Amino acid sequence: LLPPPTAAAHRCRCRCRPPPSPSPPPPVPRVPPALPSSQTVIVDKNPSIGALAITSTIANYPGVDRTMSGEALLDQMREQAISYGTDYRRAQVFMVDTEGDRKYVYTPDATLV
């Protein structure tokens, strides 16, 4: 005869023991807030130049439910970025310095940090 099974080996589906309690869900990672001193900046030389801007019809683009021009899609993207707090500037970038902790973008009118 075999000895009776231990509690750990007892795996039947009968109601002789309550089922094991489920393990707790894993912790949800916390997304840190943006740094108060950082901000997204878009520096656009000319909003009506580029392959997308001169395309007459954009179809089947994610997030767009109708056919639209490339210029209209760029306008929509720009307005959405601005509505979320992006600093939009029209300027030509002539140099970018990415060395060190701070990044510098040089335009004829300003230096962006």
Protein backbone atom coordinates (compact mmCIF):
# COMPACT_ATOMS: atom_id res chain seq x y z
CA LEU A 1 0.00 0.00 0.00
CA LEU A 2 1.03 3.56 -0.69
CA PRO A 3 1.08 6.14 2.05
CA PRO A 4 -1.63 8.86 1.86
CA PRO A 5 -0.66 11.88 -0.25
CA THR A 6 0.71 14.95 1.46
CA ALA A 7 -1.12 18.28 1.29
CA ALA A 8 1.31 19.54 -1.34
CA ALA A 9 0.74 16.46 -3.50
CA HIS A 10 -3.07 16.61 -3.10
CA ARG A 11 -4.25 18.10 -6.41
CA CYS A 12 -7.72 16.66 -6.90
CA ARG A 13 -10.68 18.84 -7.79
CA CYS A 14 -12.85 17.62 -4.95
CA ARG A 15 -14.09 19.95 -2.24
CA CYS A 16 -12.01 18.39 0.51
CA ARG A 17 -9.78 21.49 0.56
CA PRO A 18 -10.39 25.06 -0.50
CA PRO A 19 -8.66 25.99 -3.75
CA PRO A 20 -5.41 27.87 -3.38
CA SER A 21 -5.83 31.63 -3.31
CA PRO A 22 -4.66 33.40 -6.45
CA SER A 23 -1.43 35.29 -6.24
CA PRO A 24 -1.70 39.06 -6.07
CA PRO A 25 -1.35 40.95 -9.34
CA PRO A 26 2.09 42.27 -10.15
CA PRO A 27 2.70 45.91 -9.19
CA VAL A 28 1.91 48.46 -11.87
CA PRO A 29 5.00 50.46 -12.83
CA ARG A 30 4.66 54.13 -11.98
CA VAL A 31 5.31 56.54 -14.82
CA PRO A 32 7.26 59.48 -13.45
CA PRO A 33 5.90 62.91 -14.30
CA ALA A 34 7.77 65.06 -16.77
CA LEU A 35 10.47 67.23 -15.31
CA PRO A 36 9.19 70.74 -14.65
CA SER A 37 12.21 72.19 -16.42
CA SER A 38 11.80 70.11 -19.58
CA GLN A 39 9.44 70.82 -22.45
CA THR A 40 8.93 69.45 -25.93
CA VAL A 41 9.80 71.93 -28.66
CA ILE A 42 9.10 71.54 -32.37
CA VAL A 43 11.26 73.73 -34.60
CA ASP A 44 9.74 73.79 -38.08
CA LYS A 45 11.53 75.51 -40.94
CA ASN A 46 8.49 75.65 -43.19
CA PRO A 47 5.23 73.76 -42.54
CA SER A 48 4.34 73.58 -46.24
CA ILE A 49 7.56 71.90 -47.43
CA GLY A 50 8.31 68.21 -47.38
CA ALA A 51 7.00 65.00 -48.90
CA LEU A 52 3.97 64.80 -46.60
CA ALA A 53 3.00 68.46 -47.06
CA ILE A 54 2.94 68.25 -50.85
CA THR A 55 1.04 64.94 -50.99
CA SER A 56 -2.46 65.54 -52.33
CA THR A 57 -4.15 62.51 -50.74
CA ILE A 58 -3.33 60.61 -47.55
CA ALA A 59 -5.38 57.44 -47.05
CA ASN A 60 -5.28 54.67 -44.47
CA TYR A 61 -3.12 56.60 -42.02
CA PRO A 62 -3.41 55.52 -38.35
CA GLY A 63 -5.79 57.77 -36.45
CA VAL A 64 -7.27 59.36 -39.58
CA ASP A 65 -10.74 58.17 -40.49
CA ARG A 66 -11.00 59.81 -43.89
CA THR A 67 -8.89 60.69 -46.88
CA MET A 68 -7.17 64.05 -46.45
CA SER A 69 -4.31 66.04 -47.91
CA GLY A 70 -0.83 65.86 -46.45
CA GLU A 71 -1.03 69.54 -45.52
CA ALA A 72 -4.30 68.96 -43.61
CA LEU A 73 -2.75 66.00 -41.76
CA LEU A 74 0.29 68.10 -40.80
CA ASP A 75 -2.01 70.87 -39.57
CA GLN A 76 -3.94 68.35 -37.47
CA MET A 77 -0.71 66.91 -36.00
CA ARG A 78 0.63 70.39 -35.23
CA GLU A 79 -2.59 71.50 -33.50
CA GLN A 80 -2.69 68.30 -31.44
CA ALA A 81 0.93 68.74 -30.32
CA ILE A 82 0.29 72.38 -29.36
CA SER A 83 -2.89 71.43 -27.47
CA TYR A 84 -0.76 69.08 -25.32
CA GLY A 85 1.67 71.84 -24.41
CA THR A 86 4.32 71.53 -27.10
CA ASP A 87 6.23 74.73 -27.86
CA TYR A 88 5.96 75.17 -31.65
CA ARG A 89 8.41 77.56 -33.34
CA ARG A 90 9.05 78.41 -36.96
CA ALA A 91 12.77 78.70 -37.51
CA GLN A 92 15.66 77.16 -39.35
CA VAL A 93 18.02 75.09 -37.21
CA PHE A 94 21.65 75.63 -38.13
CA MET A 95 23.35 73.63 -35.36
CA VAL A 96 22.52 71.11 -32.62
CA ASP A 97 24.83 70.40 -29.68
CA THR A 98 24.04 67.11 -27.89
CA GLU A 99 27.17 66.82 -25.77
CA GLY A 100 26.67 66.73 -22.00
CA ASP A 101 23.49 66.78 -19.96
CA ARG A 102 21.97 69.80 -21.70
CA LYS A 103 21.07 69.85 -25.38
CA TYR A 104 21.30 73.07 -27.40
CA VAL A 105 19.46 73.90 -30.63
CA TYR A 106 20.73 76.98 -32.44
CA THR A 107 18.51 79.04 -34.74
CA PRO A 108 19.14 82.53 -36.19
CA ASP A 109 16.77 84.05 -33.61
CA ALA A 110 17.36 82.00 -30.45
CA THR A 111 19.30 79.26 -28.71
CA LEU A 112 16.98 76.61 -27.29
CA VAL A 113 18.16 74.59 -24.30
